PDB file of N, CA and C in Angstrom:
ATOM      1  N   UNK A   1     127.490 187.915 127.636  1.00  0.00           N
ATOM      2  CA  UNK A   1     128.647 188.079 128.472  1.00  0.00           C
ATOM      3  C   UNK A   1     129.354 186.752 128.708  1.00  0.00           C
ATOM      4  N   UNK A   2     129.061 185.758 127.911  1.00  0.00           N
ATOM      5  CA  UNK A   2     129.723 184.476 128.053  1.00  0.00           C
ATOM      6  C   UNK A   2     131.217 184.641 127.836  1.00  0.00           C
ATOM      7  N   UNK A   3     131.989 183.947 128.652  1.00  0.00           N
ATOM      8  CA  UNK A   3     133.424 183.983 128.505  1.00  0.00           C
ATOM      9  C   UNK A   3     134.109 185.071 129.312  1.00  0.00           C
ATOM     10  N   UNK A   4     133.360 185.981 129.897  1.00  0.00           N
ATOM     11  CA  UNK A   4     133.972 187.029 130.702  1.00  0.00           C
ATOM     12  C   UNK A   4     134.076 186.561 132.152  1.00  0.00           C
ATOM     13  N   UNK A   5     135.215 186.818 132.751  1.00  0.00           N
ATOM     14  CA  UNK A   5     135.393 186.472 134.157  1.00  0.00           C
ATOM     15  C   UNK A   5     134.774 187.549 135.032  1.00  0.00           C
ATOM     16  N   UNK A   6     134.666 187.253 136.318  1.00  0.00           N
ATOM     17  CA  UNK A   6     134.168 188.264 137.255  1.00  0.00           C
ATOM     18  C   UNK A   6     135.054 189.504 137.210  1.00  0.00           C
ATOM     19  N   UNK A   7     136.353 189.283 137.192  1.00  0.00           N
ATOM     20  CA  UNK A   7     137.301 190.405 137.169  1.00  0.00           C
ATOM     21  C   UNK A   7     137.096 191.260 135.932  1.00  0.00           C
ATOM     22  N   UNK A   8     136.922 190.614 134.793  1.00  0.00           N
ATOM     23  CA  UNK A   8     136.711 191.331 133.539  1.00  0.00           C
ATOM     24  C   UNK A   8     135.404 192.117 133.580  1.00  0.00           C
ATOM     25  N   UNK A   9     134.365 191.530 134.123  1.00  0.00           N
ATOM     26  CA  UNK A   9     133.072 192.216 134.215  1.00  0.00           C
ATOM     27  C   UNK A   9     133.163 193.434 135.135  1.00  0.00           C
ATOM     28  N   UNK A  10     133.886 193.277 136.253  1.00  0.00           N
ATOM     29  CA  UNK A  10     134.049 194.431 137.155  1.00  0.00           C
ATOM     30  C   UNK A  10     134.867 195.527 136.476  1.00  0.00           C
ATOM     31  N   UNK A  11     135.904 195.131 135.762  1.00  0.00           N
ATOM     32  CA  UNK A  11     136.736 196.116 135.068  1.00  0.00           C
ATOM     33  C   UNK A  11     135.930 196.846 133.995  1.00  0.00           C
ATOM     34  N   UNK A  12     135.109 196.127 133.265  1.00  0.00           N
ATOM     35  CA  UNK A  12     134.251 196.750 132.254  1.00  0.00           C
ATOM     36  C   UNK A  12     133.322 197.776 132.918  1.00  0.00           C
ATOM     37  N   UNK A  13     132.708 197.366 134.008  1.00  0.00           N
ATOM     38  CA  UNK A  13     131.792 198.270 134.720  1.00  0.00           C
ATOM     39  C   UNK A  13     132.524 199.504 135.226  1.00  0.00           C
ATOM     40  N   UNK A  14     133.742 199.305 135.729  1.00  0.00           N
ATOM     41  CA  UNK A  14     134.552 200.421 136.210  1.00  0.00           C
ATOM     42  C   UNK A  14     134.873 201.398 135.073  1.00  0.00           C
ATOM     43  N   UNK A  15     135.195 200.858 133.919  1.00  0.00           N
ATOM     44  CA  UNK A  15     135.518 201.720 132.770  1.00  0.00           C
ATOM     45  C   UNK A  15     134.296 202.488 132.282  1.00  0.00           C
ATOM     46  N   UNK A  16     133.133 201.834 132.309  1.00  0.00           N
ATOM     47  CA  UNK A  16     131.904 202.528 131.909  1.00  0.00           C
ATOM     48  C   UNK A  16     131.601 203.645 132.911  1.00  0.00           C
ATOM     49  N   UNK A  17     131.845 203.394 134.184  1.00  0.00           N
ATOM     50  CA  UNK A  17     131.671 204.429 135.197  1.00  0.00           C
ATOM     51  C   UNK A  17     132.594 205.616 134.904  1.00  0.00           C
ATOM     52  N   UNK A  18     133.828 205.332 134.537  1.00  0.00           N
ATOM     53  CA  UNK A  18     134.768 206.402 134.174  1.00  0.00           C
ATOM     54  C   UNK A  18     134.269 207.186 132.955  1.00  0.00           C
ATOM     55  N   UNK A  19     133.734 206.480 131.971  1.00  0.00           N
ATOM     56  CA  UNK A  19     133.200 207.142 130.773  1.00  0.00           C
ATOM     57  C   UNK A  19     132.029 208.043 131.147  1.00  0.00           C
ATOM     58  N   UNK A  20     131.139 207.533 131.992  1.00  0.00           N
ATOM     59  CA  UNK A  20     130.003 208.344 132.442  1.00  0.00           C
ATOM     60  C   UNK A  20     130.480 209.616 133.138  1.00  0.00           C
ATOM     61  N   UNK A  21     131.429 209.470 134.045  1.00  0.00           N
ATOM     62  CA  UNK A  21     131.921 210.612 134.807  1.00  0.00           C
ATOM     63  C   UNK A  21     132.690 211.610 133.929  1.00  0.00           C
ATOM     64  N   UNK A  22     133.443 211.106 132.985  1.00  0.00           N
ATOM     65  CA  UNK A  22     134.239 211.966 132.107  1.00  0.00           C
ATOM     66  C   UNK A  22     133.370 212.712 131.095  1.00  0.00           C
ATOM     67  N   UNK A  23     132.267 212.107 130.683  1.00  0.00           N
ATOM     68  CA  UNK A  23     131.445 212.667 129.605  1.00  0.00           C
ATOM     69  C   UNK A  23     130.059 213.098 130.067  1.00  0.00           C
ATOM     70  N   UNK A  24     129.899 213.389 131.352  1.00  0.00           N
ATOM     71  CA  UNK A  24     128.560 213.689 131.860  1.00  0.00           C
ATOM     72  C   UNK A  24     127.934 214.934 131.216  1.00  0.00           C
ATOM     73  N   UNK A  25     128.744 215.939 130.918  1.00  0.00           N
ATOM     74  CA  UNK A  25     128.178 217.149 130.299  1.00  0.00           C
ATOM     75  C   UNK A  25     127.669 216.857 128.894  1.00  0.00           C
ATOM     76  N   UNK A  26     128.466 216.145 128.113  1.00  0.00           N
ATOM     77  CA  UNK A  26     128.059 215.794 126.749  1.00  0.00           C
ATOM     78  C   UNK A  26     126.816 214.915 126.772  1.00  0.00           C
ATOM     79  N   UNK A  27     126.799 213.952 127.672  1.00  0.00           N
ATOM     80  CA  UNK A  27     125.660 213.042 127.771  1.00  0.00           C
ATOM     81  C   UNK A  27     124.404 213.784 128.223  1.00  0.00           C
ATOM     82  N   UNK A  28     124.562 214.757 129.107  1.00  0.00           N
ATOM     83  CA  UNK A  28     123.413 215.526 129.586  1.00  0.00           C
ATOM     84  C   UNK A  28     122.766 216.301 128.441  1.00  0.00           C
ATOM     85  N   UNK A  29     123.610 216.880 127.582  1.00  0.00           N
ATOM     86  CA  UNK A  29     123.096 217.614 126.410  1.00  0.00           C
ATOM     87  C   UNK A  29     122.275 216.689 125.517  1.00  0.00           C
ATOM     88  N   UNK A  30     122.691 215.420 125.445  1.00  0.00           N
ATOM     89  CA  UNK A  30     122.002 214.453 124.589  1.00  0.00           C
ATOM     90  C   UNK A  30     120.850 213.752 125.308  1.00  0.00           C
ATOM     91  N   UNK A  31     120.572 214.158 126.547  1.00  0.00           N
ATOM     92  CA  UNK A  31     119.412 213.614 127.248  1.00  0.00           C
ATOM     93  C   UNK A  31     119.703 212.440 128.165  1.00  0.00           C
ATOM     94  N   UNK A  32     120.952 212.152 128.388  1.00  0.00           N
ATOM     95  CA  UNK A  32     121.310 211.043 129.289  1.00  0.00           C
ATOM     96  C   UNK A  32     121.729 211.639 130.631  1.00  0.00           C
ATOM     97  N   UNK A  33     121.061 211.212 131.688  1.00  0.00           N
ATOM     98  CA  UNK A  33     121.405 211.704 133.023  1.00  0.00           C
ATOM     99  C   UNK A  33     122.546 210.851 133.575  1.00  0.00           C
ATOM    100  N   UNK A  34     123.765 211.269 133.280  1.00  0.00           N
ATOM    101  CA  UNK A  34     124.950 210.519 133.684  1.00  0.00           C
ATOM    102  C   UNK A  34     125.117 210.486 135.200  1.00  0.00           C
ATOM    103  N   UNK A  35     124.616 211.504 135.889  1.00  0.00           N
ATOM    104  CA  UNK A  35     124.730 211.542 137.351  1.00  0.00           C
ATOM    105  C   UNK A  35     123.986 210.367 137.979  1.00  0.00           C
ATOM    106  N   UNK A  36     122.746 210.141 137.521  1.00  0.00           N
ATOM    107  CA  UNK A  36     121.942 209.041 138.060  1.00  0.00           C
ATOM    108  C   UNK A  36     122.570 207.701 137.688  1.00  0.00           C
ATOM    109  N   UNK A  37     122.921 207.549 136.410  1.00  0.00           N
ATOM    110  CA  UNK A  37     123.524 206.299 135.951  1.00  0.00           C
ATOM    111  C   UNK A  37     124.839 206.041 136.681  1.00  0.00           C
ATOM    112  N   UNK A  38     125.630 207.074 136.853  1.00  0.00           N
ATOM    113  CA  UNK A  38     126.911 206.960 137.542  1.00  0.00           C
ATOM    114  C   UNK A  38     126.713 206.563 139.004  1.00  0.00           C
ATOM    115  N   UNK A  39     125.738 207.180 139.653  1.00  0.00           N
ATOM    116  CA  UNK A  39     125.453 206.853 141.055  1.00  0.00           C
ATOM    117  C   UNK A  39     125.041 205.407 141.233  1.00  0.00           C
ATOM    118  N   UNK A  40     124.142 204.939 140.366  1.00  0.00           N
ATOM    119  CA  UNK A  40     123.680 203.551 140.440  1.00  0.00           C
ATOM    120  C   UNK A  40     124.827 202.589 140.187  1.00  0.00           C
ATOM    121  N   UNK A  41     125.582 202.849 139.121  1.00  0.00           N
ATOM    122  CA  UNK A  41     126.679 201.962 138.762  1.00  0.00           C
ATOM    123  C   UNK A  41     127.757 201.963 139.839  1.00  0.00           C
ATOM    124  N   UNK A  42     128.014 203.108 140.413  1.00  0.00           N
ATOM    125  CA  UNK A  42     129.006 203.219 141.483  1.00  0.00           C
ATOM    126  C   UNK A  42     128.599 202.367 142.685  1.00  0.00           C
ATOM    127  N   UNK A  43     127.333 202.427 143.069  1.00  0.00           N
ATOM    128  CA  UNK A  43     126.840 201.613 144.190  1.00  0.00           C
ATOM    129  C   UNK A  43     126.942 200.123 143.879  1.00  0.00           C
ATOM    130  N   UNK A  44     126.562 199.774 142.654  1.00  0.00           N
ATOM    131  CA  UNK A  44     126.633 198.366 142.266  1.00  0.00           C
ATOM    132  C   UNK A  44     128.078 197.865 142.248  1.00  0.00           C
ATOM    133  N   UNK A  45     128.974 198.696 141.781  1.00  0.00           N
ATOM    134  CA  UNK A  45     130.395 198.320 141.777  1.00  0.00           C
ATOM    135  C   UNK A  45     130.947 198.195 143.194  1.00  0.00           C
ATOM    136  N   UNK A  46     130.577 199.130 144.062  1.00  0.00           N
ATOM    137  CA  UNK A  46     131.010 199.034 145.456  1.00  0.00           C
ATOM    138  C   UNK A  46     130.552 197.708 146.058  1.00  0.00           C
ATOM    139  N   UNK A  47     129.318 197.330 145.775  1.00  0.00           N
ATOM    140  CA  UNK A  47     128.769 196.072 146.274  1.00  0.00           C
ATOM    141  C   UNK A  47     129.537 194.881 145.684  1.00  0.00           C
ATOM    142  N   UNK A  48     129.809 194.932 144.387  1.00  0.00           N
ATOM    143  CA  UNK A  48     130.536 193.841 143.727  1.00  0.00           C
ATOM    144  C   UNK A  48     131.938 193.682 144.308  1.00  0.00           C
ATOM    145  N   UNK A  49     132.650 194.783 144.488  1.00  0.00           N
ATOM    146  CA  UNK A  49     133.993 194.716 145.052  1.00  0.00           C
ATOM    147  C   UNK A  49     133.969 194.269 146.510  1.00  0.00           C
ATOM    148  N   UNK A  50     132.978 194.717 147.249  1.00  0.00           N
ATOM    149  CA  UNK A  50     132.842 194.303 148.646  1.00  0.00           C
ATOM    150  C   UNK A  50     132.625 192.796 148.739  1.00  0.00           C
ATOM    151  N   UNK A  51     131.756 192.280 147.891  1.00  0.00           N
ATOM    152  CA  UNK A  51     131.471 190.837 147.909  1.00  0.00           C
ATOM    153  C   UNK A  51     132.667 190.033 147.410  1.00  0.00           C
ATOM    154  N   UNK A  52     133.407 190.573 146.459  1.00  0.00           N
ATOM    155  CA  UNK A  52     134.622 189.900 145.987  1.00  0.00           C
ATOM    156  C   UNK A  52     135.650 189.830 147.114  1.00  0.00           C
ATOM    157  N   UNK A  53     135.821 190.925 147.837  1.00  0.00           N
ATOM    158  CA  UNK A  53     136.759 190.929 148.963  1.00  0.00           C
ATOM    159  C   UNK A  53     136.348 189.918 150.032  1.00  0.00           C
ATOM    160  N   UNK A  54     135.045 189.825 150.283  1.00  0.00           N
ATOM    161  CA  UNK A  54     134.553 188.846 151.267  1.00  0.00           C
ATOM    162  C   UNK A  54     134.844 187.432 150.769  1.00  0.00           C
ATOM    163  N   UNK A  55     134.647 187.202 149.478  1.00  0.00           N
ATOM    164  CA  UNK A  55     134.917 185.887 148.906  1.00  0.00           C
ATOM    165  C   UNK A  55     136.398 185.530 149.050  1.00  0.00           C
ATOM    166  N   UNK A  56     137.280 186.474 148.791  1.00  0.00           N
ATOM    167  CA  UNK A  56     138.722 186.238 148.926  1.00  0.00           C
ATOM    168  C   UNK A  56     139.071 185.914 150.371  1.00  0.00           C
ATOM    169  N   UNK A  57     138.476 186.656 151.299  1.00  0.00           N
ATOM    170  CA  UNK A  57     138.717 186.406 152.722  1.00  0.00           C
ATOM    171  C   UNK A  57     138.244 185.005 153.109  1.00  0.00           C
ATOM    172  N   UNK A  58     137.056 184.627 152.650  1.00  0.00           N
ATOM    173  CA  UNK A  58     136.525 183.300 152.981  1.00  0.00           C
ATOM    174  C   UNK A  58     137.358 182.188 152.356  1.00  0.00           C
ATOM    175  N   UNK A  59     137.870 182.419 151.155  1.00  0.00           N
ATOM    176  CA  UNK A  59     138.739 181.426 150.531  1.00  0.00           C
ATOM    177  C   UNK A  59     140.008 181.226 151.358  1.00  0.00           C
ATOM    178  N   UNK A  60     140.564 182.328 151.844  1.00  0.00           N
ATOM    179  CA  UNK A  60     141.759 182.241 152.687  1.00  0.00           C
ATOM    180  C   UNK A  60     141.447 181.484 153.981  1.00  0.00           C
ATOM    181  N   UNK A  61     140.289 181.777 154.570  1.00  0.00           N
ATOM    182  CA  UNK A  61     139.888 181.084 155.795  1.00  0.00           C
ATOM    183  C   UNK A  61     139.673 179.592 155.531  1.00  0.00           C
ATOM    184  N   UNK A  62     139.079 179.274 154.394  1.00  0.00           N
ATOM    185  CA  UNK A  62     138.852 177.871 154.031  1.00  0.00           C
ATOM    186  C   UNK A  62     140.177 177.151 153.822  1.00  0.00           C
ATOM    187  N   UNK A  63     141.108 177.813 153.163  1.00  0.00           N
ATOM    188  CA  UNK A  63     142.422 177.223 152.924  1.00  0.00           C
ATOM    189  C   UNK A  63     143.115 176.927 154.250  1.00  0.00           C
ATOM    190  N   UNK A  64     143.048 177.873 155.195  1.00  0.00           N
ATOM    191  CA  UNK A  64     143.659 177.672 156.503  1.00  0.00           C
ATOM    192  C   UNK A  64     142.947 176.548 157.256  1.00  0.00           C
ATOM    193  N   UNK A  65     141.618 176.523 157.196  1.00  0.00           N
ATOM    194  CA  UNK A  65     140.855 175.478 157.883  1.00  0.00           C
ATOM    195  C   UNK A  65     141.200 174.102 157.309  1.00  0.00           C
ATOM    196  N   UNK A  66     141.389 174.029 156.001  1.00  0.00           N
ATOM    197  CA  UNK A  66     141.773 172.764 155.364  1.00  0.00           C
ATOM    198  C   UNK A  66     143.140 172.326 155.859  1.00  0.00           C
ATOM    199  N   UNK A  67     144.089 173.258 155.896  1.00  0.00           N
ATOM    200  CA  UNK A  67     145.433 172.938 156.387  1.00  0.00           C
ATOM    201  C   UNK A  67     145.383 172.490 157.847  1.00  0.00           C
ATOM    202  N   UNK A  68     144.591 173.175 158.660  1.00  0.00           N
ATOM    203  CA  UNK A  68     144.446 172.803 160.071  1.00  0.00           C
ATOM    204  C   UNK A  68     143.838 171.408 160.208  1.00  0.00           C
ATOM    205  N   UNK A  69     142.827 171.124 159.398  1.00  0.00           N
ATOM    206  CA  UNK A  69     142.175 169.819 159.421  1.00  0.00           C
ATOM    207  C   UNK A  69     143.152 168.717 159.011  1.00  0.00           C
ATOM    208  N   UNK A  70     143.914 168.969 157.957  1.00  0.00           N
ATOM    209  CA  UNK A  70     144.879 167.973 157.497  1.00  0.00           C
ATOM    210  C   UNK A  70     145.962 167.721 158.547  1.00  0.00           C
ATOM    211  N   UNK A  71     146.421 168.796 159.191  1.00  0.00           N
ATOM    212  CA  UNK A  71     147.446 168.655 160.224  1.00  0.00           C
ATOM    213  C   UNK A  71     146.911 167.836 161.397  1.00  0.00           C
ATOM    214  N   UNK A  72     145.704 168.152 161.855  1.00  0.00           N
ATOM    215  CA  UNK A  72     145.101 167.421 162.971  1.00  0.00           C
ATOM    216  C   UNK A  72     144.899 165.954 162.613  1.00  0.00           C
ATOM    217  N   UNK A  73     144.470 165.691 161.383  1.00  0.00           N
ATOM    218  CA  UNK A  73     144.271 164.315 160.926  1.00  0.00           C
ATOM    219  C   UNK A  73     145.593 163.564 160.901  1.00  0.00           C
ATOM    220  N   UNK A  74     146.657 164.210 160.406  1.00  0.00           N
ATOM    221  CA  UNK A  74     147.976 163.575 160.371  1.00  0.00           C
ATOM    222  C   UNK A  74     148.464 163.247 161.779  1.00  0.00           C
ATOM    223  N   UNK A  75     148.259 164.161 162.717  1.00  0.00           N
ATOM    224  CA  UNK A  75     148.670 163.914 164.100  1.00  0.00           C
ATOM    225  C   UNK A  75     147.913 162.718 164.675  1.00  0.00           C
ATOM    226  N   UNK A  76     146.598 162.666 164.457  1.00  0.00           N
ATOM    227  CA  UNK A  76     145.787 161.547 164.955  1.00  0.00           C
ATOM    228  C   UNK A  76     146.226 160.238 164.297  1.00  0.00           C
ATOM    229  N   UNK A  77     146.507 160.283 162.991  1.00  0.00           N
ATOM    230  CA  UNK A  77     146.917 159.077 162.269  1.00  0.00           C
ATOM    231  C   UNK A  77     148.262 158.560 162.796  1.00  0.00           C
ATOM    232  N   UNK A  78     149.208 159.478 163.006  1.00  0.00           N
ATOM    233  CA  UNK A  78     150.519 159.048 163.524  1.00  0.00           C
ATOM    234  C   UNK A  78     150.375 158.445 164.928  1.00  0.00           C
ATOM    235  N   UNK A  79     149.513 159.032 165.749  1.00  0.00           N
ATOM    236  CA  UNK A  79     149.275 158.493 167.095  1.00  0.00           C
ATOM    237  C   UNK A  79     148.638 157.114 167.003  1.00  0.00           C
ATOM    238  N   UNK A  80     147.666 156.962 166.118  1.00  0.00           N
ATOM    239  CA  UNK A  80     147.016 155.660 165.939  1.00  0.00           C
ATOM    240  C   UNK A  80     148.028 154.620 165.455  1.00  0.00           C
ATOM    241  N   UNK A  81     148.898 155.002 164.517  1.00  0.00           N
ATOM    242  CA  UNK A  81     149.925 154.079 164.003  1.00  0.00           C
ATOM    243  C   UNK A  81     150.891 153.675 165.110  1.00  0.00           C
ATOM    244  N   UNK A  82     151.299 154.638 165.929  1.00  0.00           N
ATOM    245  CA  UNK A  82     152.196 154.333 167.044  1.00  0.00           C
ATOM    246  C   UNK A  82     151.515 153.406 168.037  1.00  0.00           C
ATOM    247  N   UNK A  83     150.223 153.598 168.230  1.00  0.00           N
ATOM    248  CA  UNK A  83     149.466 152.753 169.149  1.00  0.00           C
ATOM    249  C   UNK A  83     149.384 151.327 168.619  1.00  0.00           C
ATOM    250  N   UNK A  84     149.205 151.184 167.307  1.00  0.00           N
ATOM    251  CA  UNK A  84     149.199 149.844 166.697  1.00  0.00           C
ATOM    252  C   UNK A  84     150.544 149.176 166.948  1.00  0.00           C
ATOM    253  N   UNK A  85     151.630 149.901 166.718  1.00  0.00           N
ATOM    254  CA  UNK A  85     152.963 149.334 166.930  1.00  0.00           C
ATOM    255  C   UNK A  85     153.153 148.927 168.394  1.00  0.00           C
ATOM    256  N   UNK A  86     152.657 149.729 169.305  1.00  0.00           N
ATOM    257  CA  UNK A  86     152.747 149.414 170.730  1.00  0.00           C
ATOM    258  C   UNK A  86     151.990 148.122 171.035  1.00  0.00           C
ATOM    259  N   UNK A  87     150.745 148.005 170.521  1.00  0.00           N
ATOM    260  CA  UNK A  87     149.931 146.812 170.781  1.00  0.00           C
ATOM    261  C   UNK A  87     150.556 145.572 170.154  1.00  0.00           C
ATOM    262  N   UNK A  88     151.024 145.700 168.914  1.00  0.00           N
ATOM    263  CA  UNK A  88     151.647 144.548 168.242  1.00  0.00           C
ATOM    264  C   UNK A  88     152.914 144.133 168.986  1.00  0.00           C
ATOM    265  N   UNK A  89     153.674 145.129 169.445  1.00  0.00           N
ATOM    266  CA  UNK A  89     154.880 144.817 170.211  1.00  0.00           C
ATOM    267  C   UNK A  89     154.548 144.072 171.495  1.00  0.00           C
ATOM    268  N   UNK A  90     153.471 144.443 172.135  1.00  0.00           N
ATOM    269  CA  UNK A  90     153.072 143.794 173.390  1.00  0.00           C
ATOM    270  C   UNK A  90     152.475 142.416 173.151  1.00  0.00           C
ATOM    271  N   UNK A  91     151.677 142.286 172.072  1.00  0.00           N
ATOM    272  CA  UNK A  91     150.979 141.017 171.811  1.00  0.00           C
ATOM    273  C   UNK A  91     151.827 140.019 171.032  1.00  0.00           C
ATOM    274  N   UNK A  92     152.752 140.525 170.254  1.00  0.00           N
ATOM    275  CA  UNK A  92     153.547 139.666 169.378  1.00  0.00           C
ATOM    276  C   UNK A  92     152.950 139.645 167.982  1.00  0.00           C
ATOM    277  N   UNK A  93     153.816 139.474 166.981  1.00  0.00           N
ATOM    278  CA  UNK A  93     153.380 139.546 165.580  1.00  0.00           C
ATOM    279  C   UNK A  93     152.440 138.421 165.175  1.00  0.00           C
ATOM    280  N   UNK A  94     152.491 137.309 165.838  1.00  0.00           N
ATOM    281  CA  UNK A  94     151.672 136.158 165.454  1.00  0.00           C
ATOM    282  C   UNK A  94     150.292 136.147 166.118  1.00  0.00           C
ATOM    283  N   UNK A  95     150.055 137.053 167.035  1.00  0.00           N
ATOM    284  CA  UNK A  95     148.761 137.151 167.716  1.00  0.00           C
ATOM    285  C   UNK A  95     147.687 137.546 166.704  1.00  0.00           C
ATOM    286  N   UNK A  96     146.493 136.966 166.840  1.00  0.00           N
ATOM    287  CA  UNK A  96     145.402 137.245 165.899  1.00  0.00           C
ATOM    288  C   UNK A  96     145.027 138.727 165.872  1.00  0.00           C
ATOM    289  N   UNK A  97     144.957 139.347 167.038  1.00  0.00           N
ATOM    290  CA  UNK A  97     144.637 140.776 167.079  1.00  0.00           C
ATOM    291  C   UNK A  97     145.727 141.572 166.380  1.00  0.00           C
ATOM    292  N   UNK A  98     146.974 141.226 166.558  1.00  0.00           N
ATOM    293  CA  UNK A  98     148.080 141.910 165.883  1.00  0.00           C
ATOM    294  C   UNK A  98     147.947 141.798 164.374  1.00  0.00           C
ATOM    295  N   UNK A  99     147.618 140.614 163.902  1.00  0.00           N
ATOM    296  CA  UNK A  99     147.445 140.404 162.454  1.00  0.00           C
ATOM    297  C   UNK A  99     146.300 141.263 161.928  1.00  0.00           C
ATOM    298  N   UNK A 100     145.192 141.308 162.672  1.00  0.00           N
ATOM    299  CA  UNK A 100     144.050 142.145 162.253  1.00  0.00           C
ATOM    300  C   UNK A 100     144.432 143.623 162.230  1.00  0.00           C
ATOM    301  N   UNK A 101     145.153 144.066 163.258  1.00  0.00           N
ATOM    302  CA  UNK A 101     145.575 145.463 163.321  1.00  0.00           C
ATOM    303  C   UNK A 101     146.502 145.814 162.164  1.00  0.00           C
ATOM    304  N   UNK A 102     147.421 144.908 161.839  1.00  0.00           N
ATOM    305  CA  UNK A 102     148.374 145.162 160.756  1.00  0.00           C
ATOM    306  C   UNK A 102     147.666 145.229 159.391  1.00  0.00           C
ATOM    307  N   UNK A 103     146.541 144.543 159.248  1.00  0.00           N
ATOM    308  CA  UNK A 103     145.806 144.547 157.976  1.00  0.00           C
ATOM    309  C   UNK A 103     144.739 145.637 157.897  1.00  0.00           C
ATOM    310  N   UNK A 104     144.504 146.335 158.983  1.00  0.00           N
ATOM    311  CA  UNK A 104     143.407 147.299 159.042  1.00  0.00           C
ATOM    312  C   UNK A 104     143.540 148.419 158.008  1.00  0.00           C
ATOM    313  N   UNK A 105     144.743 148.963 157.825  1.00  0.00           N
ATOM    314  CA  UNK A 105     144.927 150.044 156.836  1.00  0.00           C
ATOM    315  C   UNK A 105     144.536 149.576 155.436  1.00  0.00           C
ATOM    316  N   UNK A 106     145.002 148.363 155.080  1.00  0.00           N
ATOM    317  CA  UNK A 106     144.675 147.828 153.756  1.00  0.00           C
ATOM    318  C   UNK A 106     143.174 147.616 153.593  1.00  0.00           C
ATOM    319  N   UNK A 107     142.527 147.137 154.649  1.00  0.00           N
ATOM    320  CA  UNK A 107     141.080 146.927 154.594  1.00  0.00           C
ATOM    321  C   UNK A 107     140.341 148.242 154.389  1.00  0.00           C
ATOM    322  N   UNK A 108     140.783 149.275 155.078  1.00  0.00           N
ATOM    323  CA  UNK A 108     140.125 150.575 154.957  1.00  0.00           C
ATOM    324  C   UNK A 108     140.354 151.156 153.571  1.00  0.00           C
ATOM    325  N   UNK A 109     141.557 151.001 153.033  1.00  0.00           N
ATOM    326  CA  UNK A 109     141.893 151.573 151.726  1.00  0.00           C
ATOM    327  C   UNK A 109     141.266 150.800 150.569  1.00  0.00           C
ATOM    328  N   UNK A 110     141.010 149.510 150.759  1.00  0.00           N
ATOM    329  CA  UNK A 110     140.488 148.660 149.693  1.00  0.00           C
ATOM    330  C   UNK A 110     138.966 148.663 149.721  1.00  0.00           C
ATOM    331  N   UNK A 111     138.376 149.280 148.703  1.00  0.00           N
ATOM    332  CA  UNK A 111     136.915 149.424 148.646  1.00  0.00           C
ATOM    333  C   UNK A 111     136.210 148.078 148.621  1.00  0.00           C
ATOM    334  N   UNK A 112     136.805 147.087 147.983  1.00  0.00           N
ATOM    335  CA  UNK A 112     136.167 145.764 147.919  1.00  0.00           C
ATOM    336  C   UNK A 112     136.079 145.121 149.296  1.00  0.00           C
ATOM    337  N   UNK A 113     137.094 145.375 150.133  1.00  0.00           N
ATOM    338  CA  UNK A 113     137.090 144.793 151.467  1.00  0.00           C
ATOM    339  C   UNK A 113     136.158 145.520 152.425  1.00  0.00           C
ATOM    340  N   UNK A 114     136.078 146.851 152.292  1.00  0.00           N
ATOM    341  CA  UNK A 114     135.265 147.631 153.242  1.00  0.00           C
ATOM    342  C   UNK A 114     133.867 147.896 152.732  1.00  0.00           C
ATOM    343  N   UNK A 115     133.658 147.775 151.428  1.00  0.00           N
ATOM    344  CA  UNK A 115     132.362 148.086 150.838  1.00  0.00           C
ATOM    345  C   UNK A 115     132.275 149.566 150.507  1.00  0.00           C
ATOM    346  N   UNK A 116     131.428 149.886 149.546  1.00  0.00           N
ATOM    347  CA  UNK A 116     131.258 151.274 149.135  1.00  0.00           C
ATOM    348  C   UNK A 116     130.538 152.054 150.218  1.00  0.00           C
ATOM    349  N   UNK A 117     130.924 153.318 150.323  1.00  0.00           N
ATOM    350  CA  UNK A 117     130.233 154.208 151.255  1.00  0.00           C
ATOM    351  C   UNK A 117     128.939 154.687 150.643  1.00  0.00           C
ATOM    352  N   UNK A 118     127.937 154.789 151.482  1.00  0.00           N
ATOM    353  CA  UNK A 118     126.661 155.339 151.028  1.00  0.00           C
ATOM    354  C   UNK A 118     126.820 156.847 150.827  1.00  0.00           C
ATOM    355  N   UNK A 119     126.255 157.354 149.748  1.00  0.00           N
ATOM    356  CA  UNK A 119     126.310 158.786 149.480  1.00  0.00           C
ATOM    357  C   UNK A 119     125.325 159.515 150.386  1.00  0.00           C
ATOM    358  N   UNK A 120     125.772 160.649 150.980  1.00  0.00           N
ATOM    359  CA  UNK A 120     124.865 161.386 151.874  1.00  0.00           C
ATOM    360  C   UNK A 120     123.713 162.008 151.134  1.00  0.00           C
TER     361      UNK A 120
END
């Protein structure tokens, strides 16, 4: 089944279920109990579709949570930037603390200056 997507696998299973249901009399004559096979496959498909729907719902929730996280981070960053401007304005551009504050973004962004983060 290499190369088949989840959607393709579910569609294949659905079509086999249709074949079982459409040909149950013929299959019964040949010794295949299509009712049992159909029942099992139907339950498995219901489970597969249910889990797919849950996955789609969770993906949507994750996408929203990511957007919420990014928005909150942007708000905090803008507030922090405004606070830096306030402090620099009060201290003056030549003050040592002002110079450190103005360079802080570059230090954080530059891996050589801040050092590599340890992997969790």
